[in-house]
């Protein structure tokens, strides 16, 4: 994450929960694809992953651990 993005994140985290939620929604919407098949493909992937969990083929991990693996962040249980 760039220093500019970190600064924006820091500022965004100071917002009230409803404002953070609205901002997160707008950011997420900005990532939407124009691919008309994307939603259907995600639904297939979600069902596949649920089946793997149900069949104990994979084991879920806590969000704090996943975040560390993805972003290399220190554990901060308060953000879970």
PDB file of N, CA and C in Angstrom:
ATOM      1  N   UNK A   1       0.863  -1.165   0.000  1.00  0.00           N
ATOM      2  CA  UNK A   1       0.000   0.000   0.000  1.00  0.00           C
ATOM      3  C   UNK A   1       0.913   1.233   0.000  1.00  0.00           C
ATOM      4  N   UNK A   2       0.601   2.178  -0.837  1.00  0.00           N
ATOM      5  CA  UNK A   2       1.403   3.401  -0.910  1.00  0.00           C
ATOM      6  C   UNK A   2       1.156   4.263   0.322  1.00  0.00           C
ATOM      7  N   UNK A   3       2.052   5.223   0.554  1.00  0.00           N
ATOM      8  CA  UNK A   3       1.875   6.113   1.707  1.00  0.00           C
ATOM      9  C   UNK A   3       0.594   6.937   1.561  1.00  0.00           C
ATOM     10  N   UNK A   4       0.252   7.298   0.333  1.00  0.00           N
ATOM     11  CA  UNK A   4      -0.993   8.052   0.106  1.00  0.00           C
ATOM     12  C   UNK A   4      -2.199   7.193   0.492  1.00  0.00           C
ATOM     13  N   UNK A   5      -2.193   5.922   0.069  1.00  0.00           N
ATOM     14  CA  UNK A   5      -3.300   5.023   0.402  1.00  0.00           C
ATOM     15  C   UNK A   5      -3.372   4.793   1.905  1.00  0.00           C
ATOM     16  N   UNK A   6      -2.217   4.652   2.555  1.00  0.00           N
ATOM     17  CA  UNK A   6      -2.207   4.473   4.013  1.00  0.00           C
ATOM     18  C   UNK A   6      -2.792   5.684   4.707  1.00  0.00           C
ATOM     19  N   UNK A   7      -2.482   6.879   4.201  1.00  0.00           N
ATOM     20  CA  UNK A   7      -3.024   8.111   4.790  1.00  0.00           C
ATOM     21  C   UNK A   7      -4.542   8.144   4.618  1.00  0.00           C
ATOM     22  N   UNK A   8      -5.012   7.793   3.430  1.00  0.00           N
ATOM     23  CA  UNK A   8      -6.461   7.759   3.193  1.00  0.00           C
ATOM     24  C   UNK A   8      -7.138   6.746   4.107  1.00  0.00           C
ATOM     25  N   UNK A   9      -6.507   5.582   4.255  1.00  0.00           N
ATOM     26  CA  UNK A   9      -7.068   4.558   5.131  1.00  0.00           C
ATOM     27  C   UNK A   9      -7.144   5.071   6.562  1.00  0.00           C
ATOM     28  N   UNK A  10      -6.069   5.676   7.038  1.00  0.00           N
ATOM     29  CA  UNK A  10      -6.050   6.217   8.390  1.00  0.00           C
ATOM     30  C   UNK A  10      -7.193   7.218   8.586  1.00  0.00           C
ATOM     31  N   UNK A  11      -7.371   8.099   7.612  1.00  0.00           N
ATOM     32  CA  UNK A  11      -8.449   9.088   7.700  1.00  0.00           C
ATOM     33  C   UNK A  11      -9.818   8.417   7.650  1.00  0.00           C
ATOM     34  N   UNK A  12      -9.964   7.422   6.782  1.00  0.00           N
ATOM     35  CA  UNK A  12     -11.250   6.733   6.658  1.00  0.00           C
ATOM     36  C   UNK A  12     -11.608   6.008   7.953  1.00  0.00           C
ATOM     37  N   UNK A  13     -10.616   5.458   8.636  1.00  0.00           N
ATOM     38  CA  UNK A  13     -10.878   4.739   9.878  1.00  0.00           C
ATOM     39  C   UNK A  13     -11.328   5.658  11.006  1.00  0.00           C
ATOM     40  N   UNK A  14     -11.173   6.944  10.831  1.00  0.00           N
ATOM     41  CA  UNK A  14     -11.630   7.919  11.829  1.00  0.00           C
ATOM     42  C   UNK A  14     -13.111   8.246  11.651  1.00  0.00           C
ATOM     43  N   UNK A  15     -13.701   7.842  10.534  1.00  0.00           N
ATOM     44  CA  UNK A  15     -15.112   8.123  10.261  1.00  0.00           C
ATOM     45  C   UNK A  15     -16.016   7.287  11.150  1.00  0.00           C
ATOM     46  N   UNK A  16     -17.244   7.734  11.279  1.00  0.00           N
ATOM     47  CA  UNK A  16     -18.258   6.970  12.009  1.00  0.00           C
ATOM     48  C   UNK A  16     -18.529   5.668  11.246  1.00  0.00           C
ATOM     49  N   UNK A  17     -18.965   4.620  11.953  1.00  0.00           N
ATOM     50  CA  UNK A  17     -19.203   3.337  11.290  1.00  0.00           C
ATOM     51  C   UNK A  17     -20.093   3.427  10.044  1.00  0.00           C
ATOM     52  N   UNK A  18     -21.166   4.207  10.105  1.00  0.00           N
ATOM     53  CA  UNK A  18     -22.052   4.312   8.936  1.00  0.00           C
ATOM     54  C   UNK A  18     -21.337   4.952   7.751  1.00  0.00           C
ATOM     55  N   UNK A  19     -20.485   5.936   8.035  1.00  0.00           N
ATOM     56  CA  UNK A  19     -19.730   6.579   6.955  1.00  0.00           C
ATOM     57  C   UNK A  19     -18.703   5.624   6.372  1.00  0.00           C
ATOM     58  N   UNK A  20     -18.029   4.828   7.238  1.00  0.00           N
ATOM     59  CA  UNK A  20     -17.062   3.834   6.747  1.00  0.00           C
ATOM     60  C   UNK A  20     -17.762   2.802   5.878  1.00  0.00           C
ATOM     61  N   UNK A  21     -18.960   2.382   6.317  1.00  0.00           N
ATOM     62  CA  UNK A  21     -19.713   1.403   5.543  1.00  0.00           C
ATOM     63  C   UNK A  21     -20.076   1.952   4.164  1.00  0.00           C
ATOM     64  N   UNK A  22     -20.548   3.183   4.115  1.00  0.00           N
ATOM     65  CA  UNK A  22     -20.909   3.802   2.838  1.00  0.00           C
ATOM     66  C   UNK A  22     -19.682   3.945   1.942  1.00  0.00           C
ATOM     67  N   UNK A  23     -18.571   4.363   2.523  1.00  0.00           N
ATOM     68  CA  UNK A  23     -17.329   4.514   1.757  1.00  0.00           C
ATOM     69  C   UNK A  23     -16.856   3.163   1.221  1.00  0.00           C
ATOM     70  N   UNK A  24     -16.893   2.153   2.072  1.00  0.00           N
ATOM     71  CA  UNK A  24     -16.480   0.816   1.638  1.00  0.00           C
ATOM     72  C   UNK A  24     -17.361   0.325   0.492  1.00  0.00           C
ATOM     73  N   UNK A  25     -18.655   0.582   0.581  1.00  0.00           N
ATOM     74  CA  UNK A  25     -19.564   0.181  -0.488  1.00  0.00           C
ATOM     75  C   UNK A  25     -19.237   0.872  -1.798  1.00  0.00           C
ATOM     76  N   UNK A  26     -18.965   2.168  -1.726  1.00  0.00           N
ATOM     77  CA  UNK A  26     -18.610   2.923  -2.942  1.00  0.00           C
ATOM     78  C   UNK A  26     -17.300   2.401  -3.533  1.00  0.00           C
ATOM     79  N   UNK A  27     -16.323   2.132  -2.682  1.00  0.00           N
ATOM     80  CA  UNK A  27     -15.049   1.598  -3.177  1.00  0.00           C
ATOM     81  C   UNK A  27     -15.259   0.225  -3.818  1.00  0.00           C
ATOM     82  N   UNK A  28     -16.040  -0.614  -3.162  1.00  0.00           N
ATOM     83  CA  UNK A  28     -16.311  -1.939  -3.713  1.00  0.00           C
ATOM     84  C   UNK A  28     -17.027  -1.830  -5.053  1.00  0.00           C
ATOM     85  N   UNK A  29     -18.021  -0.958  -5.123  1.00  0.00           N
ATOM     86  CA  UNK A  29     -18.758  -0.779  -6.378  1.00  0.00           C
ATOM     87  C   UNK A  29     -17.846  -0.305  -7.500  1.00  0.00           C
ATOM     88  N   UNK A  30     -16.810   0.460  -7.151  1.00  0.00           N
ATOM     89  CA  UNK A  30     -15.902   0.964  -8.180  1.00  0.00           C
ATOM     90  C   UNK A  30     -15.071  -0.155  -8.803  1.00  0.00           C
ATOM     91  N   UNK A  31     -15.045  -1.314  -8.157  1.00  0.00           N
ATOM     92  CA  UNK A  31     -14.276  -2.451  -8.662  1.00  0.00           C
ATOM     93  C   UNK A  31     -15.128  -3.392  -9.510  1.00  0.00           C
ATOM     94  N   UNK A  32     -16.401  -3.107  -9.598  1.00  0.00           N
ATOM     95  CA  UNK A  32     -17.295  -3.966 -10.357  1.00  0.00           C
ATOM     96  C   UNK A  32     -16.831  -4.084 -11.808  1.00  0.00           C
ATOM     97  N   UNK A  33     -17.039  -5.244 -12.347  1.00  0.00           N
ATOM     98  CA  UNK A  33     -16.645  -5.522 -13.718  1.00  0.00           C
ATOM     99  C   UNK A  33     -17.836  -5.376 -14.652  1.00  0.00           C
ATOM    100  N   UNK A  34     -17.553  -5.165 -15.906  1.00  0.00           N
ATOM    101  CA  UNK A  34     -18.611  -5.110 -16.913  1.00  0.00           C
ATOM    102  C   UNK A  34     -18.908  -6.492 -17.482  1.00  0.00           C
ATOM    103  N   UNK A  35     -18.223  -7.509 -16.981  1.00  0.00           N
ATOM    104  CA  UNK A  35     -18.410  -8.881 -17.471  1.00  0.00           C
ATOM    105  C   UNK A  35     -19.780  -9.388 -17.015  1.00  0.00           C
ATOM    106  N   UNK A  36     -20.692  -9.637 -17.958  1.00  0.00           N
ATOM    107  CA  UNK A  36     -22.038 -10.079 -17.574  1.00  0.00           C
ATOM    108  C   UNK A  36     -22.044 -11.466 -16.930  1.00  0.00           C
ATOM    109  N   UNK A  37     -20.985 -12.250 -17.130  1.00  0.00           N
ATOM    110  CA  UNK A  37     -20.927 -13.593 -16.556  1.00  0.00           C
ATOM    111  C   UNK A  37     -20.257 -13.629 -15.186  1.00  0.00           C
ATOM    112  N   UNK A  38     -19.708 -12.511 -14.740  1.00  0.00           N
ATOM    113  CA  UNK A  38     -18.928 -12.491 -13.506  1.00  0.00           C
ATOM    114  C   UNK A  38     -19.750 -12.951 -12.303  1.00  0.00           C
ATOM    115  N   UNK A  39     -20.948 -12.461 -12.150  1.00  0.00           N
ATOM    116  CA  UNK A  39     -21.761 -12.824 -10.991  1.00  0.00           C
ATOM    117  C   UNK A  39     -22.049 -14.323 -10.980  1.00  0.00           C
ATOM    118  N   UNK A  40     -22.421 -14.876 -12.119  1.00  0.00           N
ATOM    119  CA  UNK A  40     -22.711 -16.309 -12.188  1.00  0.00           C
ATOM    120  C   UNK A  40     -21.458 -17.131 -11.879  1.00  0.00           C
ATOM    121  N   UNK A  41     -20.307 -16.689 -12.385  1.00  0.00           N
ATOM    122  CA  UNK A  41     -19.062 -17.400 -12.112  1.00  0.00           C
ATOM    123  C   UNK A  41     -18.700 -17.343 -10.629  1.00  0.00           C
ATOM    124  N   UNK A  42     -18.942 -16.186  -9.985  1.00  0.00           N
ATOM    125  CA  UNK A  42     -18.682 -16.087  -8.550  1.00  0.00           C
ATOM    126  C   UNK A  42     -19.607 -17.016  -7.774  1.00  0.00           C
ATOM    127  N   UNK A  43     -20.855 -17.123  -8.184  1.00  0.00           N
ATOM    128  CA  UNK A  43     -21.786 -18.013  -7.493  1.00  0.00           C
ATOM    129  C   UNK A  43     -21.319 -19.465  -7.582  1.00  0.00           C
ATOM    130  N   UNK A  44     -20.822 -19.864  -8.741  1.00  0.00           N
ATOM    131  CA  UNK A  44     -20.287 -21.224  -8.913  1.00  0.00           C
ATOM    132  C   UNK A  44     -19.088 -21.420  -7.981  1.00  0.00           C
ATOM    133  N   UNK A  45     -18.194 -20.437  -7.951  1.00  0.00           N
ATOM    134  CA  UNK A  45     -17.001 -20.530  -7.089  1.00  0.00           C
ATOM    135  C   UNK A  45     -17.390 -20.600  -5.618  1.00  0.00           C
ATOM    136  N   UNK A  46     -18.363 -19.784  -5.219  1.00  0.00           N
ATOM    137  CA  UNK A  46     -18.815 -19.789  -3.824  1.00  0.00           C
ATOM    138  C   UNK A  46     -19.373 -21.158  -3.451  1.00  0.00           C
ATOM    139  N   UNK A  47     -20.199 -21.718  -4.315  1.00  0.00           N
ATOM    140  CA  UNK A  47     -20.779 -23.037  -4.036  1.00  0.00           C
ATOM    141  C   UNK A  47     -19.688 -24.106  -3.950  1.00  0.00           C
ATOM    142  N   UNK A  48     -18.683 -24.009  -4.819  1.00  0.00           N
ATOM    143  CA  UNK A  48     -17.565 -24.943  -4.793  1.00  0.00           C
ATOM    144  C   UNK A  48     -16.827 -24.852  -3.463  1.00  0.00           C
ATOM    145  N   UNK A  49     -16.571 -23.644  -3.009  1.00  0.00           N
ATOM    146  CA  UNK A  49     -15.843 -23.458  -1.748  1.00  0.00           C
ATOM    147  C   UNK A  49     -16.661 -23.924  -0.547  1.00  0.00           C
ATOM    148  N   UNK A  50     -17.964 -23.680  -0.571  1.00  0.00           N
ATOM    149  CA  UNK A  50     -18.836 -24.155   0.507  1.00  0.00           C
ATOM    150  C   UNK A  50     -18.813 -25.678   0.554  1.00  0.00           C
ATOM    151  N   UNK A  51     -18.867 -26.311  -0.611  1.00  0.00           N
ATOM    152  CA  UNK A  51     -18.826 -27.779  -0.669  1.00  0.00           C
ATOM    153  C   UNK A  51     -17.512 -28.302  -0.097  1.00  0.00           C
ATOM    154  N   UNK A  52     -16.398 -27.637  -0.414  1.00  0.00           N
ATOM    155  CA  UNK A  52     -15.101 -28.055   0.137  1.00  0.00           C
ATOM    156  C   UNK A  52     -15.094 -27.946   1.661  1.00  0.00           C
ATOM    157  N   UNK A  53     -15.685 -26.881   2.190  1.00  0.00           N
ATOM    158  CA  UNK A  53     -15.778 -26.738   3.645  1.00  0.00           C
ATOM    159  C   UNK A  53     -16.661 -27.827   4.241  1.00  0.00           C
ATOM    160  N   UNK A  54     -17.818 -28.057   3.628  1.00  0.00           N
ATOM    161  CA  UNK A  54     -18.756 -29.063   4.125  1.00  0.00           C
ATOM    162  C   UNK A  54     -18.153 -30.465   4.110  1.00  0.00           C
ATOM    163  N   UNK A  55     -17.294 -30.734   3.134  1.00  0.00           N
ATOM    164  CA  UNK A  55     -16.666 -32.053   2.999  1.00  0.00           C
ATOM    165  C   UNK A  55     -15.328 -32.134   3.736  1.00  0.00           C
ATOM    166  N   UNK A  56     -15.014 -31.092   4.500  1.00  0.00           N
ATOM    167  CA  UNK A  56     -13.760 -31.019   5.262  1.00  0.00           C
ATOM    168  C   UNK A  56     -12.519 -31.178   4.389  1.00  0.00           C
ATOM    169  N   UNK A  57     -12.611 -30.741   3.141  1.00  0.00           N
ATOM    170  CA  UNK A  57     -11.453 -30.773   2.242  1.00  0.00           C
ATOM    171  C   UNK A  57     -10.512 -29.605   2.536  1.00  0.00           C
ATOM    172  N   UNK A  58     -11.052 -28.550   3.101  1.00  0.00           N
ATOM    173  CA  UNK A  58     -10.267 -27.385   3.502  1.00  0.00           C
ATOM    174  C   UNK A  58     -10.692 -26.994   4.910  1.00  0.00           C
ATOM    175  N   UNK A  59      -9.837 -26.265   5.601  1.00  0.00           N
ATOM    176  CA  UNK A  59     -10.155 -25.807   6.945  1.00  0.00           C
ATOM    177  C   UNK A  59     -10.103 -24.284   6.982  1.00  0.00           C
ATOM    178  N   UNK A  60     -11.168 -23.648   7.465  1.00  0.00           N
ATOM    179  CA  UNK A  60     -11.163 -22.188   7.517  1.00  0.00           C
ATOM    180  C   UNK A  60     -10.143 -21.695   8.543  1.00  0.00           C
ATOM    181  N   UNK A  61      -9.681 -20.473   8.336  1.00  0.00           N
ATOM    182  CA  UNK A  61      -8.773 -19.850   9.302  1.00  0.00           C
ATOM    183  C   UNK A  61      -9.394 -18.534   9.746  1.00  0.00           C
ATOM    184  N   UNK A  62      -9.064 -18.078  10.949  1.00  0.00           N
ATOM    185  CA  UNK A  62      -9.619 -16.811  11.443  1.00  0.00           C
ATOM    186  C   UNK A  62      -9.193 -15.638  10.560  1.00  0.00           C
ATOM    187  N   UNK A  63     -10.034 -14.608  10.500  1.00  0.00           N
ATOM    188  CA  UNK A  63      -9.757 -13.440   9.663  1.00  0.00           C
ATOM    189  C   UNK A  63      -8.409 -12.801  10.006  1.00  0.00           C
ATOM    190  N   UNK A  64      -8.065 -12.725  11.279  1.00  0.00           N
ATOM    191  CA  UNK A  64      -6.786 -12.126  11.670  1.00  0.00           C
ATOM    192  C   UNK A  64      -5.610 -12.841  11.031  1.00  0.00           C
ATOM    193  N   UNK A  65      -5.673 -14.159  11.003  1.00  0.00           N
ATOM    194  CA  UNK A  65      -4.596 -14.938  10.377  1.00  0.00           C
ATOM    195  C   UNK A  65      -4.606 -14.752   8.862  1.00  0.00           C
ATOM    196  N   UNK A  66      -5.786 -14.763   8.262  1.00  0.00           N
ATOM    197  CA  UNK A  66      -5.884 -14.556   6.816  1.00  0.00           C
ATOM    198  C   UNK A  66      -5.342 -13.185   6.429  1.00  0.00           C
ATOM    199  N   UNK A  67      -5.687 -12.179   7.214  1.00  0.00           N
ATOM    200  CA  UNK A  67      -5.217 -10.818   6.946  1.00  0.00           C
ATOM    201  C   UNK A  67      -3.691 -10.761   6.991  1.00  0.00           C
ATOM    202  N   UNK A  68      -3.094 -11.435   7.984  1.00  0.00           N
ATOM    203  CA  UNK A  68      -1.629 -11.460   8.077  1.00  0.00           C
ATOM    204  C   UNK A  68      -1.029 -12.121   6.843  1.00  0.00           C
ATOM    205  N   UNK A  69      -1.643 -13.218   6.409  1.00  0.00           N
ATOM    206  CA  UNK A  69      -1.136 -13.919   5.229  1.00  0.00           C
ATOM    207  C   UNK A  69      -1.275 -13.073   3.965  1.00  0.00           C
ATOM    208  N   UNK A  70      -2.386 -12.366   3.848  1.00  0.00           N
ATOM    209  CA  UNK A  70      -2.652 -11.567   2.650  1.00  0.00           C
ATOM    210  C   UNK A  70      -1.852 -10.271   2.654  1.00  0.00           C
ATOM    211  N   UNK A  71      -1.904  -9.547   3.765  1.00  0.00           N
ATOM    212  CA  UNK A  71      -1.334  -8.205   3.806  1.00  0.00           C
ATOM    213  C   UNK A  71      -0.043  -8.094   4.597  1.00  0.00           C
ATOM    214  N   UNK A  72       0.344  -9.163   5.285  1.00  0.00           N
ATOM    215  CA  UNK A  72       1.549  -9.103   6.091  1.00  0.00           C
ATOM    216  C   UNK A  72       1.399  -8.203   7.296  1.00  0.00           C
ATOM    217  N   UNK A  73       0.174  -8.069   7.805  1.00  0.00           N
ATOM    218  CA  UNK A  73      -0.089  -7.192   8.945  1.00  0.00           C
ATOM    219  C   UNK A  73       0.127  -7.939  10.247  1.00  0.00           C
ATOM    220  N   UNK A  74       0.397  -7.198  11.290  1.00  0.00           N
ATOM    221  CA  UNK A  74       0.485  -7.755  12.631  1.00  0.00           C
ATOM    222  C   UNK A  74      -0.920  -8.097  13.094  1.00  0.00           C
ATOM    223  N   UNK A  75      -1.020  -9.065  13.984  1.00  0.00           N
ATOM    224  CA  UNK A  75      -2.322  -9.460  14.515  1.00  0.00           C
ATOM    225  C   UNK A  75      -2.899  -8.320  15.337  1.00  0.00           C
ATOM    226  N   UNK A  76      -4.147  -7.984  15.062  1.00  0.00           N
ATOM    227  CA  UNK A  76      -4.848  -6.935  15.805  1.00  0.00           C
ATOM    228  C   UNK A  76      -6.284  -7.393  15.956  1.00  0.00           C
ATOM    229  N   UNK A  77      -6.555  -8.151  16.989  1.00  0.00           N
ATOM    230  CA  UNK A  77      -7.872  -8.747  17.179  1.00  0.00           C
ATOM    231  C   UNK A  77      -8.991  -7.728  17.237  1.00  0.00           C
ATOM    232  N   UNK A  78      -8.689  -6.491  17.587  1.00  0.00           N
ATOM    233  CA  UNK A  78      -9.721  -5.458  17.678  1.00  0.00           C
ATOM    234  C   UNK A  78     -10.324  -5.153  16.317  1.00  0.00           C
ATOM    235  N   UNK A  79      -9.600  -5.495  15.203  1.00  0.00           N
ATOM    236  CA  UNK A  79     -10.131  -5.203  13.875  1.00  0.00           C
ATOM    237  C   UNK A  79     -10.954  -6.342  13.328  1.00  0.00           C
ATOM    238  N   UNK A  80     -11.015  -7.472  14.014  1.00  0.00           N
ATOM    239  CA  UNK A  80     -11.782  -8.620  13.511  1.00  0.00           C
ATOM    240  C   UNK A  80     -13.258  -8.379  13.618  1.00  0.00           C
TER     241      UNK A  80
END
